[in-house]
Amino acid sequence: MATTTSITTTYAGEFAGKYIAAALLSGTTLDKGLIEIKPNVKYKEVIKKVATDGIVKNATCDFDPTSTLTLTERILQPEEFQVNLQLCKKDFRSDWEAVQMGYSVYDNLPANFTDFLLAHVAEKVAQKIEQNIWSGVNASAGEFDGFTTLFAADSDVIDVTATTVTALNVVDQLGRVMDAIPSTLYGKEDLTIYVPQNVAKAYVRALGGFGTSGLGANGVDNKGTMWYGNGDLFFDGVRIAMVNGLASNKMVAAQASNLYFGTGLLSDHNEVKVLDLSDVDGSQNVRVVMRFTAGVQYGFGSEVVYYG
């Protein structure tokens, strides 16, 4: 007997929360806590910045408020996005039968067809959010301004001219980023150098003995290219984090606490729905609807190094 797929429930509200969470928080940057996450931003959130001059003065007998305190702010304003998909159940039915028959190539699919649709959409949304966080451009549909777009427009950000990064020059290029980090940041616990996949790969290969980093032909622990097991990477004592949304040959050095992702993730206007239209128009179509907000902002541009 052929497998019958029927979806009779509209999923929204509390149940939808886990899919919204999966969609927005499953990307590399957010899943690993590499930046600050600010949920429940309904419209805007003000990020206050406080700057002072030399506050320690020579002592006098009187109260002498000669220090300068400057209070400025940045606005974190997530934008609203939506996912509207229409799928035909017939297109998935042969695959669905294969799952019931136990074909191992499909063994990662959930047992419920609705879960499959939602998980698939959530995965795609997570990929897009990850890309937007670092490389998004607001003028493009479905995108908000990502960090590199914001950094490029801010004269306070410390710029380092980029080049094509390879295993032969990656140590030198990481060194240029490191040298540009202000002395006030070096040694901070959450200081991170964010790199794309091509830089991370080049660094791993260089440490395997294929760079000019002084490790010799056998690399770390004399293991060559076998030394790395997807563990943590560091450069001059600073954590290196690979983020999939960052474009090739770009790097960012900053404190994780200086970079913010805002969303109305937990607010009640977010929703995800799976609508079976068979009872509406007699078709085999299924609609998937998601709505969410997302955006990024940072605090101090003068405490960000942008290699790009």
C-alpha atoms as a PDB file:
ATOM      1  CA  MET A   1       0.000   0.000   0.000  1.00  0.00           C
ATOM      2  CA  ALA A   2       1.323   3.413  -0.920  1.00  0.00           C
ATOM      3  CA  THR A   3       2.304   5.734   1.887  1.00  0.00           C
ATOM      4  CA  THR A   4      -0.347   8.333   2.621  1.00  0.00           C
ATOM      5  CA  THR A   5       0.892  11.719   3.772  1.00  0.00           C
ATOM      6  CA  SER A   6      -1.642  13.933   5.465  1.00  0.00           C
ATOM      7  CA  ILE A   7      -1.082  17.138   7.387  1.00  0.00           C
ATOM      8  CA  THR A   8      -4.150  18.277   9.226  1.00  0.00           C
ATOM      9  CA  THR A   9      -2.719  20.635  11.832  1.00  0.00           C
ATOM     10  CA  THR A  10      -1.513  24.210  11.663  1.00  0.00           C
ATOM     11  CA  TYR A  11       1.595  24.580  13.785  1.00  0.00           C
ATOM     12  CA  ALA A  12       2.072  27.928  15.489  1.00  0.00           C
ATOM     13  CA  GLY A  13       2.681  29.476  18.874  1.00  0.00           C
ATOM     14  CA  GLU A  14       4.759  27.581  21.450  1.00  0.00           C
ATOM     15  CA  PHE A  15       5.386  24.563  19.228  1.00  0.00           C
ATOM     16  CA  ALA A  16       6.726  26.851  16.530  1.00  0.00           C
ATOM     17  CA  GLY A  17       9.311  28.233  18.908  1.00  0.00           C
ATOM     18  CA  LYS A  18      11.731  25.345  18.509  1.00  0.00           C
ATOM     19  CA  TYR A  19      11.729  25.736  14.743  1.00  0.00           C
ATOM     20  CA  ILE A  20      12.230  29.485  14.940  1.00  0.00           C
ATOM     21  CA  ALA A  21      15.072  28.833  17.381  1.00  0.00           C
ATOM     22  CA  ALA A  22      16.607  26.233  15.083  1.00  0.00           C
ATOM     23  CA  ALA A  23      16.348  28.555  12.122  1.00  0.00           C
ATOM     24  CA  LEU A  24      17.902  31.564  13.797  1.00  0.00           C
ATOM     25  CA  LEU A  25      20.355  29.993  16.217  1.00  0.00           C
ATOM     26  CA  SER A  26      21.776  27.005  14.339  1.00  0.00           C
ATOM     27  CA  GLY A  27      24.331  28.909  12.289  1.00  0.00           C
ATOM     28  CA  THR A  28      27.985  28.670  13.317  1.00  0.00           C
ATOM     29  CA  THR A  29      28.209  32.164  14.782  1.00  0.00           C
ATOM     30  CA  LEU A  30      25.137  31.984  17.007  1.00  0.00           C
ATOM     31  CA  ASP A  31      25.254  28.291  17.851  1.00  0.00           C
ATOM     32  CA  LYS A  32      28.759  28.632  19.312  1.00  0.00           C
ATOM     33  CA  GLY A  33      28.022  31.887  21.114  1.00  0.00           C
ATOM     34  CA  LEU A  34      30.646  33.790  19.148  1.00  0.00           C
ATOM     35  CA  ILE A  35      28.750  37.086  19.477  1.00  0.00           C
ATOM     36  CA  GLU A  36      26.225  38.511  21.916  1.00  0.00           C
ATOM     37  CA  ILE A  37      22.594  37.508  21.269  1.00  0.00           C
ATOM     38  CA  LYS A  38      19.893  39.996  22.219  1.00  0.00           C
ATOM     39  CA  PRO A  39      16.415  38.401  21.988  1.00  0.00           C
ATOM     40  CA  ASN A  40      13.071  40.101  22.517  1.00  0.00           C
ATOM     41  CA  VAL A  41      13.960  43.206  20.540  1.00  0.00           C
ATOM     42  CA  LYS A  42      10.471  44.229  19.488  1.00  0.00           C
ATOM     43  CA  TYR A  43      11.486  47.271  17.446  1.00  0.00           C
ATOM     44  CA  LYS A  44      14.762  48.920  18.448  1.00  0.00           C
ATOM     45  CA  GLU A  45      17.329  48.570  21.196  1.00  0.00           C
ATOM     46  CA  VAL A  46      19.788  51.314  22.089  1.00  0.00           C
ATOM     47  CA  ILE A  47      23.392  50.240  22.695  1.00  0.00           C
ATOM     48  CA  LYS A  48      25.023  52.833  24.933  1.00  0.00           C
ATOM     49  CA  LYS A  49      28.704  53.636  24.502  1.00  0.00           C
ATOM     50  CA  VAL A  50      30.682  55.398  27.217  1.00  0.00           C
ATOM     51  CA  ALA A  51      34.103  56.946  26.529  1.00  0.00           C
ATOM     52  CA  THR A  52      36.282  58.823  29.019  1.00  0.00           C
ATOM     53  CA  ASP A  53      39.594  60.656  28.881  1.00  0.00           C
ATOM     54  CA  GLY A  54      42.325  60.204  31.484  1.00  0.00           C
ATOM     55  CA  ILE A  55      40.146  60.056  34.587  1.00  0.00           C
ATOM     56  CA  VAL A  56      43.020  59.888  37.085  1.00  0.00           C
ATOM     57  CA  LYS A  57      44.136  63.418  37.997  1.00  0.00           C
ATOM     58  CA  ASN A  58      46.530  64.988  40.472  1.00  0.00           C
ATOM     59  CA  ALA A  59      44.933  65.312  43.891  1.00  0.00           C
ATOM     60  CA  THR A  60      43.623  68.610  45.262  1.00  0.00           C
ATOM     61  CA  CYS A  61      41.686  69.558  48.376  1.00  0.00           C
ATOM     62  CA  ASP A  62      38.546  70.227  46.375  1.00  0.00           C
ATOM     63  CA  PHE A  63      36.218  68.221  44.188  1.00  0.00           C
ATOM     64  CA  ASP A  64      37.444  68.990  40.667  1.00  0.00           C
ATOM     65  CA  PRO A  65      35.295  67.378  37.939  1.00  0.00           C
ATOM     66  CA  THR A  66      37.802  67.901  35.156  1.00  0.00           C
ATOM     67  CA  SER A  67      37.390  64.522  33.470  1.00  0.00           C
ATOM     68  CA  THR A  68      35.483  64.188  30.220  1.00  0.00           C
ATOM     69  CA  LEU A  69      32.789  61.571  29.756  1.00  0.00           C
ATOM     70  CA  THR A  70      31.228  61.100  26.328  1.00  0.00           C
ATOM     71  CA  LEU A  71      28.006  59.119  26.013  1.00  0.00           C
ATOM     72  CA  THR A  72      26.992  58.002  22.540  1.00  0.00           C
ATOM     73  CA  GLU A  73      24.786  55.241  21.218  1.00  0.00           C
ATOM     74  CA  ARG A  74      24.148  52.835  18.387  1.00  0.00           C
ATOM     75  CA  ILE A  75      20.754  51.493  17.388  1.00  0.00           C
ATOM     76  CA  LEU A  76      20.133  47.776  16.989  1.00  0.00           C
ATOM     77  CA  GLN A  77      17.026  47.532  14.818  1.00  0.00           C
ATOM     78  CA  PRO A  78      16.206  44.033  13.557  1.00  0.00           C
ATOM     79  CA  GLU A  79      14.424  43.852  10.224  1.00  0.00           C
ATOM     80  CA  GLU A  80      11.417  41.685   9.518  1.00  0.00           C
ATOM     81  CA  PHE A  81      11.699  38.749   7.128  1.00  0.00           C
ATOM     82  CA  GLN A  82       9.426  35.965   5.964  1.00  0.00           C
ATOM     83  CA  VAL A  83       9.532  32.554   4.321  1.00  0.00           C
ATOM     84  CA  ASN A  84       6.637  31.610   2.034  1.00  0.00           C
ATOM     85  CA  LEU A  85       6.946  28.191   0.417  1.00  0.00           C
ATOM     86  CA  GLN A  86       4.470  26.000  -1.418  1.00  0.00           C
ATOM     87  CA  LEU A  87       5.358  22.338  -1.819  1.00  0.00           C
ATOM     88  CA  CYS A  88       3.497  19.457  -3.424  1.00  0.00           C
ATOM     89  CA  LYS A  89       3.224  16.339  -1.273  1.00  0.00           C
ATOM     90  CA  LYS A  90       3.386  14.183  -4.393  1.00  0.00           C
ATOM     91  CA  ASP A  91       6.934  15.353  -5.094  1.00  0.00           C
ATOM     92  CA  PHE A  92       8.087  13.915  -1.762  1.00  0.00           C
ATOM     93  CA  ARG A  93       6.008  10.749  -1.674  1.00  0.00           C
ATOM     94  CA  SER A  94       8.514   8.448  -3.400  1.00  0.00           C
ATOM     95  CA  ASP A  95      11.221   9.570  -1.008  1.00  0.00           C
ATOM     96  CA  TRP A  96       8.833   9.122   1.888  1.00  0.00           C
ATOM     97  CA  GLU A  97       8.158   5.539   0.885  1.00  0.00           C
ATOM     98  CA  ALA A  98      11.903   4.946   0.720  1.00  0.00           C
ATOM     99  CA  VAL A  99      12.206   6.090   4.310  1.00  0.00           C
ATOM    100  CA  GLN A 100       9.558   3.605   5.409  1.00  0.00           C
ATOM    101  CA  MET A 101      11.444   0.872   3.558  1.00  0.00           C
ATOM    102  CA  GLY A 102      14.623   1.730   5.461  1.00  0.00           C
ATOM    103  CA  TYR A 103      16.924   3.078   2.736  1.00  0.00           C
ATOM    104  CA  SER A 104      19.912   4.310   4.712  1.00  0.00           C
ATOM    105  CA  VAL A 105      20.507   7.324   2.491  1.00  0.00           C
ATOM    106  CA  TYR A 106      17.379   8.847   4.041  1.00  0.00           C
ATOM    107  CA  ASP A 107      17.942   7.702   7.598  1.00  0.00           C
ATOM    108  CA  ASN A 108      18.447  11.244   8.863  1.00  0.00           C
ATOM    109  CA  LEU A 109      14.935  12.321   7.966  1.00  0.00           C
ATOM    110  CA  PRO A 110      12.495  12.555  10.874  1.00  0.00           C
ATOM    111  CA  ALA A 111       9.601  10.128  11.070  1.00  0.00           C
ATOM    112  CA  ASN A 112       7.020  12.859  10.625  1.00  0.00           C
ATOM    113  CA  PHE A 113       6.652  14.567   7.258  1.00  0.00           C
ATOM    114  CA  THR A 114       5.732  17.867   8.873  1.00  0.00           C
ATOM    115  CA  ASP A 115       8.889  17.774  10.965  1.00  0.00           C
ATOM    116  CA  PHE A 116      10.885  17.139   7.808  1.00  0.00           C
ATOM    117  CA  LEU A 117       9.457  20.175   6.062  1.00  0.00           C
ATOM    118  CA  LEU A 118       9.998  22.443   9.041  1.00  0.00           C
ATOM    119  CA  ALA A 119      13.501  21.161   9.742  1.00  0.00           C
ATOM    120  CA  HIS A 120      14.446  21.610   6.082  1.00  0.00           C
ATOM    121  CA  VAL A 121      13.200  25.195   6.039  1.00  0.00           C
ATOM    122  CA  ALA A 122      14.848  25.951   9.388  1.00  0.00           C
ATOM    123  CA  GLU A 123      18.188  24.707   8.056  1.00  0.00           C
ATOM    124  CA  LYS A 124      17.967  26.952   5.002  1.00  0.00           C
ATOM    125  CA  VAL A 125      16.993  29.951   7.105  1.00  0.00           C
ATOM    126  CA  ALA A 126      19.929  29.296   9.462  1.00  0.00           C
ATOM    127  CA  GLN A 127      22.332  29.298   6.516  1.00  0.00           C
ATOM    128  CA  LYS A 128      20.953  32.599   5.263  1.00  0.00           C
ATOM    129  CA  ILE A 129      21.073  34.226   8.697  1.00  0.00           C
ATOM    130  CA  GLU A 130      24.703  33.116   9.118  1.00  0.00           C
ATOM    131  CA  GLN A 131      25.609  34.673   5.773  1.00  0.00           C
ATOM    132  CA  ASN A 132      23.696  37.856   6.597  1.00  0.00           C
ATOM    133  CA  ILE A 133      25.399  38.315   9.964  1.00  0.00           C
ATOM    134  CA  TRP A 134      28.782  38.769   8.335  1.00  0.00           C
ATOM    135  CA  SER A 135      28.253  39.605   4.668  1.00  0.00           C
ATOM    136  CA  GLY A 136      24.665  40.771   4.270  1.00  0.00           C
ATOM    137  CA  VAL A 137      23.773  43.902   2.303  1.00  0.00           C
ATOM    138  CA  ASN A 138      20.510  45.586   3.152  1.00  0.00           C
ATOM    139  CA  ALA A 139      19.847  46.555  -0.474  1.00  0.00           C
ATOM    140  CA  SER A 140      19.583  42.851  -1.378  1.00  0.00           C
ATOM    141  CA  ALA A 141      16.242  41.137  -0.829  1.00  0.00           C
ATOM    142  CA  GLY A 142      16.170  38.938   2.250  1.00  0.00           C
ATOM    143  CA  GLU A 143      19.281  40.530   3.770  1.00  0.00           C
ATOM    144  CA  PHE A 144      20.238  43.038   6.448  1.00  0.00           C
ATOM    145  CA  ASP A 145      23.549  44.881   6.664  1.00  0.00           C
ATOM    146  CA  GLY A 146      26.109  42.452   8.037  1.00  0.00           C
ATOM    147  CA  PHE A 147      29.193  43.282  10.051  1.00  0.00           C
ATOM    148  CA  THR A 148      31.578  43.640   7.115  1.00  0.00           C
ATOM    149  CA  THR A 149      29.171  46.033   5.393  1.00  0.00           C
ATOM    150  CA  LEU A 150      28.931  48.108   8.570  1.00  0.00           C
ATOM    151  CA  PHE A 151      32.682  48.010   9.217  1.00  0.00           C
ATOM    152  CA  ALA A 152      33.531  49.139   5.687  1.00  0.00           C
ATOM    153  CA  ALA A 153      31.432  52.279   6.193  1.00  0.00           C
ATOM    154  CA  ASP A 154      32.869  53.212   9.614  1.00  0.00           C
ATOM    155  CA  SER A 155      36.042  55.294   9.687  1.00  0.00           C
ATOM    156  CA  ASP A 156      36.595  54.368  13.342  1.00  0.00           C
ATOM    157  CA  VAL A 157      37.133  50.708  12.455  1.00  0.00           C
ATOM    158  CA  ILE A 158      40.805  49.744  12.127  1.00  0.00           C
ATOM    159  CA  ASP A 159      41.334  48.658   8.514  1.00  0.00           C
ATOM    160  CA  VAL A 160      43.946  46.184   7.312  1.00  0.00           C
ATOM    161  CA  THR A 161      44.321  45.767   3.556  1.00  0.00           C
ATOM    162  CA  ALA A 162      43.516  42.212   2.534  1.00  0.00           C
ATOM    163  CA  THR A 163      45.154  39.870   0.063  1.00  0.00           C
ATOM    164  CA  THR A 164      44.517  36.303  -1.074  1.00  0.00           C
ATOM    165  CA  VAL A 165      45.326  34.076   1.889  1.00  0.00           C
ATOM    166  CA  THR A 166      47.185  30.793   1.320  1.00  0.00           C
ATOM    167  CA  ALA A 167      49.027  28.286   3.487  1.00  0.00           C
ATOM    168  CA  LEU A 168      52.251  30.089   2.591  1.00  0.00           C
ATOM    169  CA  ASN A 169      51.202  33.551   3.811  1.00  0.00           C
ATOM    170  CA  VAL A 170      48.432  32.897   6.354  1.00  0.00           C
ATOM    171  CA  VAL A 171      50.723  33.263   9.378  1.00  0.00           C
ATOM    172  CA  ASP A 172      51.984  36.620   8.120  1.00  0.00           C
ATOM    173  CA  GLN A 173      48.440  37.826   7.382  1.00  0.00           C
ATOM    174  CA  LEU A 174      47.149  36.741  10.780  1.00  0.00           C
ATOM    175  CA  GLY A 175      50.146  38.554  12.224  1.00  0.00           C
ATOM    176  CA  ARG A 176      49.072  41.761  10.472  1.00  0.00           C
ATOM    177  CA  VAL A 177      45.628  41.451  12.040  1.00  0.00           C
ATOM    178  CA  MET A 178      47.175  40.755  15.426  1.00  0.00           C
ATOM    179  CA  ASP A 179      49.520  43.734  15.167  1.00  0.00           C
ATOM    180  CA  ALA A 180      46.562  46.032  14.444  1.00  0.00           C
ATOM    181  CA  ILE A 181      44.655  44.995  17.578  1.00  0.00           C
ATOM    182  CA  PRO A 182      44.718  47.859  20.101  1.00  0.00           C
ATOM    183  CA  SER A 183      46.786  47.190  23.208  1.00  0.00           C
ATOM    184  CA  THR A 184      43.689  47.788  25.350  1.00  0.00           C
ATOM    185  CA  LEU A 185      42.068  44.680  23.816  1.00  0.00           C
ATOM    186  CA  TYR A 186      44.959  42.235  23.790  1.00  0.00           C
ATOM    187  CA  GLY A 187      44.536  39.789  26.635  1.00  0.00           C
ATOM    188  CA  LYS A 188      40.771  40.223  26.913  1.00  0.00           C
ATOM    189  CA  GLU A 189      39.116  36.860  27.515  1.00  0.00           C
ATOM    190  CA  ASP A 190      36.595  37.134  24.679  1.00  0.00           C
ATOM    191  CA  LEU A 191      38.942  38.647  22.089  1.00  0.00           C
ATOM    192  CA  THR A 192      38.455  36.628  18.903  1.00  0.00           C
ATOM    193  CA  ILE A 193      39.784  36.594  15.358  1.00  0.00           C
ATOM    194  CA  TYR A 194      36.893  35.598  13.102  1.00  0.00           C
ATOM    195  CA  VAL A 195      37.977  33.925   9.877  1.00  0.00           C
ATOM    196  CA  PRO A 196      36.234  32.305   6.880  1.00  0.00           C
ATOM    197  CA  GLN A 197      36.737  28.715   5.807  1.00  0.00           C
ATOM    198  CA  ASN A 198      39.583  29.408   3.367  1.00  0.00           C
ATOM    199  CA  VAL A 199      41.675  31.156   6.040  1.00  0.00           C
ATOM    200  CA  ALA A 200      40.985  28.426   8.613  1.00  0.00           C
ATOM    201  CA  LYS A 201      41.990  25.742   6.107  1.00  0.00           C
ATOM    202  CA  ALA A 202      45.144  27.620   5.180  1.00  0.00           C
ATOM    203  CA  TYR A 203      46.126  28.017   8.831  1.00  0.00           C
ATOM    204  CA  VAL A 204      45.549  24.330   9.599  1.00  0.00           C
ATOM    205  CA  ARG A 205      47.662  23.369   6.604  1.00  0.00           C
ATOM    206  CA  ALA A 206      50.396  25.815   7.556  1.00  0.00           C
ATOM    207  CA  LEU A 207      50.542  24.339  11.055  1.00  0.00           C
ATOM    208  CA  GLY A 208      50.783  20.920   9.444  1.00  0.00           C
ATOM    209  CA  GLY A 209      54.178  21.861   8.061  1.00  0.00           C
ATOM    210  CA  PHE A 210      53.200  23.386   4.734  1.00  0.00           C
ATOM    211  CA  GLY A 211      53.749  27.034   5.677  1.00  0.00           C
ATOM    212  CA  THR A 212      56.722  29.177   6.566  1.00  0.00           C
ATOM    213  CA  SER A 213      55.834  29.317  10.241  1.00  0.00           C
ATOM    214  CA  GLY A 214      58.996  27.647  11.509  1.00  0.00           C
ATOM    215  CA  LEU A 215      57.322  24.360  12.392  1.00  0.00           C
ATOM    216  CA  GLY A 216      59.344  22.345   9.957  1.00  0.00           C
ATOM    217  CA  ALA A 217      58.082  19.816   7.451  1.00  0.00           C
ATOM    218  CA  ASN A 218      56.332  17.665  10.057  1.00  0.00           C
ATOM    219  CA  GLY A 219      54.113  20.339  11.593  1.00  0.00           C
ATOM    220  CA  VAL A 220      52.530  20.294  15.039  1.00  0.00           C
ATOM    221  CA  ASP A 221      53.722  17.373  17.207  1.00  0.00           C
ATOM    222  CA  ASN A 222      55.419  15.965  14.098  1.00  0.00           C
ATOM    223  CA  LYS A 223      52.011  14.809  12.835  1.00  0.00           C
ATOM    224  CA  GLY A 224      51.955  16.703   9.542  1.00  0.00           C
ATOM    225  CA  THR A 225      48.456  17.265   8.196  1.00  0.00           C
ATOM    226  CA  MET A 226      47.112  14.603  10.582  1.00  0.00           C
ATOM    227  CA  TRP A 227      47.534  16.853  13.615  1.00  0.00           C
ATOM    228  CA  TYR A 228      44.190  18.656  13.482  1.00  0.00           C
ATOM    229  CA  GLY A 229      40.953  17.153  14.829  1.00  0.00           C
ATOM    230  CA  ASN A 230      38.534  20.103  14.542  1.00  0.00           C
ATOM    231  CA  GLY A 231      39.585  21.449  17.918  1.00  0.00           C
ATOM    232  CA  ASP A 232      40.147  25.046  18.963  1.00  0.00           C
ATOM    233  CA  LEU A 233      42.596  27.194  17.039  1.00  0.00           C
ATOM    234  CA  PHE A 234      44.661  30.033  18.483  1.00  0.00           C
ATOM    235  CA  PHE A 235      47.112  32.587  17.146  1.00  0.00           C
ATOM    236  CA  ASP A 236      49.487  34.353  19.527  1.00  0.00           C
ATOM    237  CA  GLY A 237      47.180  33.362  22.356  1.00  0.00           C
ATOM    238  CA  VAL A 238      44.009  34.702  20.719  1.00  0.00           C
ATOM    239  CA  ARG A 239      41.134  32.411  19.810  1.00  0.00           C
ATOM    240  CA  ILE A 240      40.435  31.885  16.118  1.00  0.00           C
ATOM    241  CA  ALA A 241      36.796  31.180  15.223  1.00  0.00           C
ATOM    242  CA  MET A 242      35.771  29.962  11.785  1.00  0.00           C
ATOM    243  CA  VAL A 243      32.449  31.517  10.778  1.00  0.00           C
ATOM    244  CA  ASN A 244      30.831  30.246   7.598  1.00  0.00           C
ATOM    245  CA  GLY A 245      29.136  33.536   6.803  1.00  0.00           C
ATOM    246  CA  LEU A 246      32.372  35.474   6.396  1.00  0.00           C
ATOM    247  CA  ALA A 247      33.515  35.860   2.781  1.00  0.00           C
ATOM    248  CA  SER A 248      36.839  34.407   1.675  1.00  0.00           C
ATOM    249  CA  ASN A 249      39.999  36.397   2.442  1.00  0.00           C
ATOM    250  CA  LYS A 250      38.335  38.558   5.075  1.00  0.00           C
ATOM    251  CA  MET A 251      38.990  38.577   8.818  1.00  0.00           C
ATOM    252  CA  VAL A 252      37.615  40.421  11.827  1.00  0.00           C
ATOM    253  CA  ALA A 253      39.227  40.822  15.237  1.00  0.00           C
ATOM    254  CA  ALA A 254      36.977  42.000  18.059  1.00  0.00           C
ATOM    255  CA  GLN A 255      35.616  41.106  21.450  1.00  0.00           C
ATOM    256  CA  ALA A 256      32.563  38.878  21.223  1.00  0.00           C
ATOM    257  CA  SER A 257      30.893  41.241  23.689  1.00  0.00           C
ATOM    258  CA  ASN A 258      31.289  44.108  21.193  1.00  0.00           C
ATOM    259  CA  LEU A 259      29.257  42.356  18.476  1.00  0.00           C
ATOM    260  CA  TYR A 260      25.480  41.972  18.773  1.00  0.00           C
ATOM    261  CA  PHE A 261      22.769  39.962  17.052  1.00  0.00           C
ATOM    262  CA  GLY A 262      19.238  41.129  17.722  1.00  0.00           C
ATOM    263  CA  THR A 263      15.963  39.370  17.052  1.00  0.00           C
ATOM    264  CA  GLY A 264      12.389  39.198  18.259  1.00  0.00           C
ATOM    265  CA  LEU A 265      12.980  35.439  18.556  1.00  0.00           C
ATOM    266  CA  LEU A 266      10.967  35.040  21.735  1.00  0.00           C
ATOM    267  CA  SER A 267       8.283  37.603  21.022  1.00  0.00           C
ATOM    268  CA  ASP A 268       4.791  36.433  20.217  1.00  0.00           C
ATOM    269  CA  HIS A 269       4.628  37.980  16.738  1.00  0.00           C
ATOM    270  CA  ASN A 270       6.997  35.287  15.431  1.00  0.00           C
ATOM    271  CA  GLU A 271       5.272  32.305  13.916  1.00  0.00           C
ATOM    272  CA  VAL A 272       5.808  29.277  11.747  1.00  0.00           C
ATOM    273  CA  LYS A 273       2.927  27.484  10.115  1.00  0.00           C
ATOM    274  CA  VAL A 274       2.463  24.410   7.959  1.00  0.00           C
ATOM    275  CA  LEU A 275      -0.812  24.647   6.070  1.00  0.00           C
ATOM    276  CA  ASP A 276      -2.246  21.664   4.219  1.00  0.00           C
ATOM    277  CA  LEU A 277      -4.428  23.037   1.416  1.00  0.00           C
ATOM    278  CA  SER A 278      -6.171  19.730   0.645  1.00  0.00           C
ATOM    279  CA  ASP A 279      -9.188  20.740   2.713  1.00  0.00           C
ATOM    280  CA  VAL A 280      -9.179  24.245   1.228  1.00  0.00           C
ATOM    281  CA  ASP A 281      -8.875  23.741  -2.523  1.00  0.00           C
ATOM    282  CA  GLY A 282      -8.544  19.977  -2.952  1.00  0.00           C
ATOM    283  CA  SER A 283      -4.881  20.239  -4.010  1.00  0.00           C
ATOM    284  CA  GLN A 284      -1.893  18.316  -2.679  1.00  0.00           C
ATOM    285  CA  ASN A 285      -0.064  21.533  -1.862  1.00  0.00           C
ATOM    286  CA  VAL A 286       1.457  22.353   1.495  1.00  0.00           C
ATOM    287  CA  ARG A 287       2.454  25.881   2.465  1.00  0.00           C
ATOM    288  CA  VAL A 288       5.194  26.697   4.938  1.00  0.00           C
ATOM    289  CA  VAL A 289       5.121  30.176   6.472  1.00  0.00           C
ATOM    290  CA  MET A 290       7.726  31.701   8.786  1.00  0.00           C
ATOM    291  CA  ARG A 291       8.169  35.256  10.040  1.00  0.00           C
ATOM    292  CA  PHE A 292      11.086  36.537  12.096  1.00  0.00           C
ATOM    293  CA  THR A 293      13.271  39.555  12.706  1.00  0.00           C
ATOM    294  CA  ALA A 294      17.054  39.756  12.633  1.00  0.00           C
ATOM    295  CA  GLY A 295      19.824  42.326  12.574  1.00  0.00           C
ATOM    296  CA  VAL A 296      23.347  43.038  13.847  1.00  0.00           C
ATOM    297  CA  GLN A 297      25.174  45.964  15.400  1.00  0.00           C
ATOM    298  CA  TYR A 298      28.426  46.605  17.244  1.00  0.00           C
ATOM    299  CA  GLY A 299      29.518  48.915  20.020  1.00  0.00           C
ATOM    300  CA  PHE A 300      32.925  50.509  19.484  1.00  0.00           C
ATOM    301  CA  GLY A 301      34.302  50.703  15.951  1.00  0.00           C
ATOM    302  CA  SER A 302      37.709  51.684  17.310  1.00  0.00           C
ATOM    303  CA  GLU A 303      37.902  48.259  18.967  1.00  0.00           C
ATOM    304  CA  VAL A 304      37.348  46.314  15.743  1.00  0.00           C
ATOM    305  CA  VAL A 305      40.026  45.273  13.250  1.00  0.00           C
ATOM    306  CA  TYR A 306      38.668  44.570   9.777  1.00  0.00           C
ATOM    307  CA  TYR A 307      40.901  42.736   7.333  1.00  0.00           C
ATOM    308  CA  GLY A 308      39.071  43.307   4.093  1.00  0.00           C
END
